[in-house]
Protein backbone atom coordinates (compact mmCIF):
# COMPACT_ATOMS: atom_id res chain seq x y z
CA UNK A 1 116.03 152.22 33.01
CA UNK A 2 118.15 150.13 35.05
CA UNK A 3 118.00 152.46 38.07
CA UNK A 4 114.21 152.13 37.88
CA UNK A 5 113.92 148.50 37.87
CA UNK A 6 116.43 148.79 41.00
CA UNK A 7 114.00 151.23 42.63
CA UNK A 8 110.94 148.97 41.78
CA UNK A 9 112.62 145.95 43.36
CA UNK A 10 113.54 147.75 46.37
CA UNK A 11 109.94 149.10 46.96
CA UNK A 12 108.54 145.57 46.35
CA UNK A 13 110.95 144.11 48.91
CA UNK A 14 110.28 146.94 51.23
CA UNK A 15 106.47 146.22 50.94
CA UNK A 16 107.18 142.43 51.66
CA UNK A 17 109.28 143.06 54.56
CA UNK A 18 106.53 145.21 56.15
CA UNK A 19 103.84 142.48 55.61
CA UNK A 20 106.14 139.94 57.13
CA UNK A 21 106.92 142.09 60.01
CA UNK A 22 103.05 142.94 60.44
CA UNK A 23 102.19 139.39 60.36
CA UNK A 24 104.72 138.25 62.78
CA UNK A 25 103.61 141.15 65.27
CA UNK A 26 99.84 139.88 64.58
CA UNK A 27 100.92 136.16 65.55
CA UNK A 28 102.78 137.51 68.75
CA UNK A 29 99.84 139.57 69.80
CA UNK A 30 97.47 136.52 69.03
CA UNK A 31 99.63 134.30 71.16
CA UNK A 32 99.80 137.01 74.06
CA UNK A 33 96.03 137.44 74.00
CA UNK A 34 95.44 133.66 73.88
CA UNK A 35 93.50 132.33 77.06
CA UNK A 36 95.66 130.75 79.61
CA UNK A 37 94.93 127.96 82.03
CA UNK A 38 96.76 126.43 84.98
CA UNK A 39 97.02 122.71 85.17
CA UNK A 40 98.72 120.61 87.76
CA UNK A 41 101.63 118.57 87.32
CA UNK A 42 103.21 115.84 89.42
CA UNK A 43 106.53 116.58 90.70
CA UNK A 44 107.33 113.08 91.41
CA UNK A 45 105.58 109.83 90.86
CA UNK A 46 102.27 110.58 93.11
CA UNK A 47 100.67 107.39 94.65
CA UNK A 48 97.05 107.23 95.52
CA UNK A 49 95.88 107.88 99.14
CA UNK A 50 95.93 111.68 99.54
CA UNK A 51 93.46 114.42 98.44
CA UNK A 52 94.31 116.95 95.74
CA UNK A 53 94.47 119.73 98.38
CA UNK A 54 96.87 117.49 100.41
CA UNK A 55 99.20 116.86 97.25
CA UNK A 56 99.37 120.56 96.38
CA UNK A 57 100.15 121.59 99.87
CA UNK A 58 102.86 118.80 100.04
CA UNK A 59 104.18 120.00 96.65
CA UNK A 60 103.49 116.48 95.15
CA UNK A 61 101.46 118.63 92.68
CA UNK A 62 102.84 121.70 91.20
CA UNK A 63 100.80 124.29 89.66
CA UNK A 64 101.80 125.12 86.01
CA UNK A 65 100.29 128.59 85.06
CA UNK A 66 100.03 130.45 81.84
CA UNK A 67 99.40 127.45 79.65
CA UNK A 68 97.97 128.34 76.32
CA UNK A 69 94.38 127.22 75.65
CA UNK A 70 95.31 125.91 72.31
CA UNK A 71 97.94 123.58 74.05
CA UNK A 72 95.55 122.74 76.88
CA UNK A 73 93.11 121.37 74.31
CA UNK A 74 95.38 118.39 74.06
CA UNK A 75 94.57 117.41 77.65
CA UNK A 76 90.71 117.67 77.73
CA UNK A 77 90.30 115.78 81.07
CA UNK A 78 93.20 117.69 82.79
CA UNK A 79 91.94 119.59 85.87
CA UNK A 80 92.00 123.35 85.34
CA UNK A 81 92.85 125.76 88.25
CA UNK A 82 89.53 127.31 87.76
CA UNK A 83 88.01 123.97 88.86
CA UNK A 84 90.46 123.36 91.73
CA UNK A 85 87.96 123.98 94.62
CA UNK A 86 85.60 121.27 92.92
CA UNK A 87 87.99 118.63 93.10
CA UNK A 88 90.30 119.75 96.09
CA UNK A 89 88.72 117.26 98.49
CA UNK A 90 88.64 114.21 96.08
CA UNK A 91 90.88 111.39 96.79
CA UNK A 92 93.64 110.44 94.29
CA UNK A 93 92.74 106.75 93.23
CA UNK A 94 95.31 106.22 90.57
CA UNK A 95 98.92 106.86 90.59
CA UNK A 96 100.01 110.01 88.56
CA UNK A 97 103.39 109.44 87.16
CA UNK A 98 106.15 112.18 87.37
CA UNK A 99 105.73 115.05 84.93
CA UNK A 100 102.07 114.01 84.02
CA UNK A 101 99.15 116.61 84.46
CA UNK A 102 96.61 115.44 87.06
CA UNK A 103 93.47 114.43 85.23
CA UNK A 104 90.09 113.44 86.09
CA UNK A 105 90.60 109.83 85.71
CA UNK A 106 93.43 109.88 88.34
CA UNK A 107 90.44 110.61 90.81
CA UNK A 108 88.09 107.88 89.62
CA UNK A 109 87.89 104.24 90.72
CA UNK A 110 88.16 101.58 88.10
CA UNK A 111 85.04 99.82 87.26
CA UNK A 112 84.84 96.04 86.60
CA UNK A 113 83.96 96.74 83.06
CA UNK A 114 86.98 99.10 82.55
CA UNK A 115 89.36 96.58 84.07
CA UNK A 116 87.97 93.70 81.85
CA UNK A 117 88.44 95.84 78.71
CA UNK A 118 92.17 96.07 79.48
CA UNK A 119 92.65 92.38 79.49
CA UNK A 120 93.44 91.45 75.82
CA UNK A 121 90.97 88.80 74.17
CA UNK A 122 91.96 85.33 74.94
CA UNK A 123 93.92 86.25 77.92
CA UNK A 124 93.69 85.78 81.67
CA UNK A 125 95.22 87.31 84.81
CA UNK A 126 96.66 85.55 87.65
CA UNK A 127 98.56 86.94 90.72
CA UNK A 128 101.55 85.58 92.68
CA UNK A 129 103.10 86.83 95.77
CA UNK A 130 106.00 89.24 95.30
CA UNK A 131 109.47 88.25 96.32
CA UNK A 132 113.05 89.24 94.93
CA UNK A 133 112.77 86.08 92.57
CA UNK A 134 109.22 86.60 91.11
CA UNK A 135 109.95 90.44 90.46
CA UNK A 136 113.52 90.63 89.42
CA UNK A 137 114.41 92.35 92.44
CA UNK A 138 111.24 94.61 92.42
CA UNK A 139 112.40 96.08 89.21
CA UNK A 140 109.33 94.90 87.18
CA UNK A 141 106.55 97.33 86.35
CA UNK A 142 103.40 97.18 84.62
CA UNK A 143 103.81 96.76 80.83
CA UNK A 144 107.06 94.64 81.20
CA UNK A 145 107.46 91.37 79.29
CA UNK A 146 108.74 88.49 81.55
CA UNK A 147 109.61 84.85 81.14
CA UNK A 148 108.51 82.40 83.95
CA UNK A 149 110.66 79.46 85.30
CA UNK A 150 110.22 77.08 88.15
CA UNK A 151 113.01 75.36 89.81
CA UNK A 152 113.15 71.74 91.24
CA UNK A 153 115.69 69.70 92.97
CA UNK A 154 116.22 66.05 92.38
CA UNK A 155 118.61 63.45 94.01
CA UNK A 156 121.89 63.19 92.14
CA UNK A 157 124.84 61.46 93.88
CA UNK A 158 127.22 62.91 91.39
CA UNK A 159 126.53 66.46 92.61
CA UNK A 160 128.00 68.11 96.01
CA UNK A 161 125.52 67.24 98.53
CA UNK A 162 123.83 64.42 96.42
CA UNK A 163 121.17 66.86 95.21
CA UNK A 164 120.80 68.85 91.72
CA UNK A 165 118.77 71.96 91.09
CA UNK A 166 116.98 72.44 87.60
CA UNK A 167 115.35 75.40 86.03
CA UNK A 168 112.49 74.66 83.98
CA UNK A 169 110.80 77.23 81.55
CA UNK A 170 106.97 77.46 82.05
CA UNK A 171 105.98 80.36 79.84
CA UNK A 172 107.64 83.12 77.81
CA UNK A 173 106.57 86.58 77.02
CA UNK A 174 103.90 87.13 79.74
CA UNK A 175 102.87 90.81 80.43
CA UNK A 176 103.15 92.20 83.98
CA UNK A 177 99.48 93.78 84.08
CA UNK A 178 99.91 94.96 87.64
CA UNK A 179 102.12 95.37 90.89
CA UNK A 180 99.85 95.62 93.78
CA UNK A 181 96.94 97.70 92.76
CA UNK A 182 99.13 99.77 90.13
CA UNK A 183 98.03 98.45 86.75
CA UNK A 184 97.89 99.10 83.20
CA UNK A 185 99.98 97.65 80.32
CA UNK A 186 100.62 101.02 78.49
CA UNK A 187 102.77 102.53 80.99
CA UNK A 188 100.03 104.96 82.33
CA UNK A 189 100.04 103.80 86.02
CA UNK A 190 103.52 102.63 86.98
CA UNK A 191 104.74 101.97 90.37
CA UNK A 192 108.43 103.18 90.78
CA UNK A 193 110.94 100.43 89.99
CA UNK A 194 112.94 99.10 92.86
CA UNK A 195 110.45 99.56 95.75
CA UNK A 196 108.92 96.58 97.37
CA UNK A 197 105.29 95.55 96.69
CA UNK A 198 103.22 92.65 97.71
CA UNK A 199 101.90 90.97 94.56
CA UNK A 200 102.71 90.77 90.74
CA UNK A 201 99.69 90.10 88.36
CA UNK A 202 100.46 88.53 84.90
CA UNK A 203 98.57 88.76 81.87
CA UNK A 204 98.89 85.92 79.16
CA UNK A 205 97.15 83.47 77.02
CA UNK A 206 94.86 81.13 79.23
CA UNK A 207 96.83 78.03 78.35
CA UNK A 208 100.34 79.59 79.60
CA UNK A 209 98.68 81.16 82.35
CA UNK A 210 97.33 77.67 83.50
CA UNK A 211 100.91 76.35 83.16
CA UNK A 212 102.10 78.86 85.45
CA UNK A 213 99.40 78.23 88.08
CA UNK A 214 100.16 74.45 87.99
CA UNK A 215 104.02 75.26 88.12
CA UNK A 216 103.30 77.01 91.43
CA UNK A 217 102.55 73.57 93.06
CA UNK A 218 105.80 72.14 91.56
CA UNK A 219 108.56 74.20 92.54
CA UNK A 220 109.79 78.06 93.34
CA UNK A 221 108.80 80.57 90.74
CA UNK A 222 111.33 82.77 89.28
CA UNK A 223 110.53 85.60 86.72
CA UNK A 224 113.23 87.18 84.47
CA UNK A 225 113.31 90.14 82.22
CA UNK A 226 114.68 89.03 78.77
CA UNK A 227 116.56 91.53 76.48
CA UNK A 228 114.76 92.79 73.46
CA UNK A 229 117.23 90.93 71.34
CA UNK A 230 115.67 87.85 72.72
CA UNK A 231 111.94 88.69 71.56
């Protein structure tokens, strides 16, 4: 009787093993038979200006083949290799961060409506000239949070040279909305840190933006990147 139970258990376990093996094989076959697509990934931060064909030729965009269609569904706006010729001569209008797939929005110029929607309610934008002082050595990028100061000098006979400098805080926790025309507060379009640019655009409550505008007439502006522990 005991041997019969052992045999029965062995048979059940054998059947279960066959079922599991077949299920695994079926999954592998389904995965192998799943349609594949080709996307184009930025090899490094890709700046606007060149066409898609030029970017592929220079290896700024690298084709990534054999992407399962199930994975590709997560990127509905990515340009498929089958559509390459339709987009090849289109100019890249928005920066493509390194490692990101080329998508249709990278080839489209922003509209005024789209830009306005990106500005938080009750906020305003203002731009200032970029310098080592106003960009923290060109390390600021869209999405960063900065504090703004201006410096003034006043006569003080007790100081060497008879003058003293003073840093006055104007605004705190303003958001860097853009550097040059690379914008976005979510990190989608980011100019590589450390590279020089001409202007920096700040976003913040209207009252604080007005204070910064007034401060530009009082002294030299300096921006700082506070640590997260200061927030």
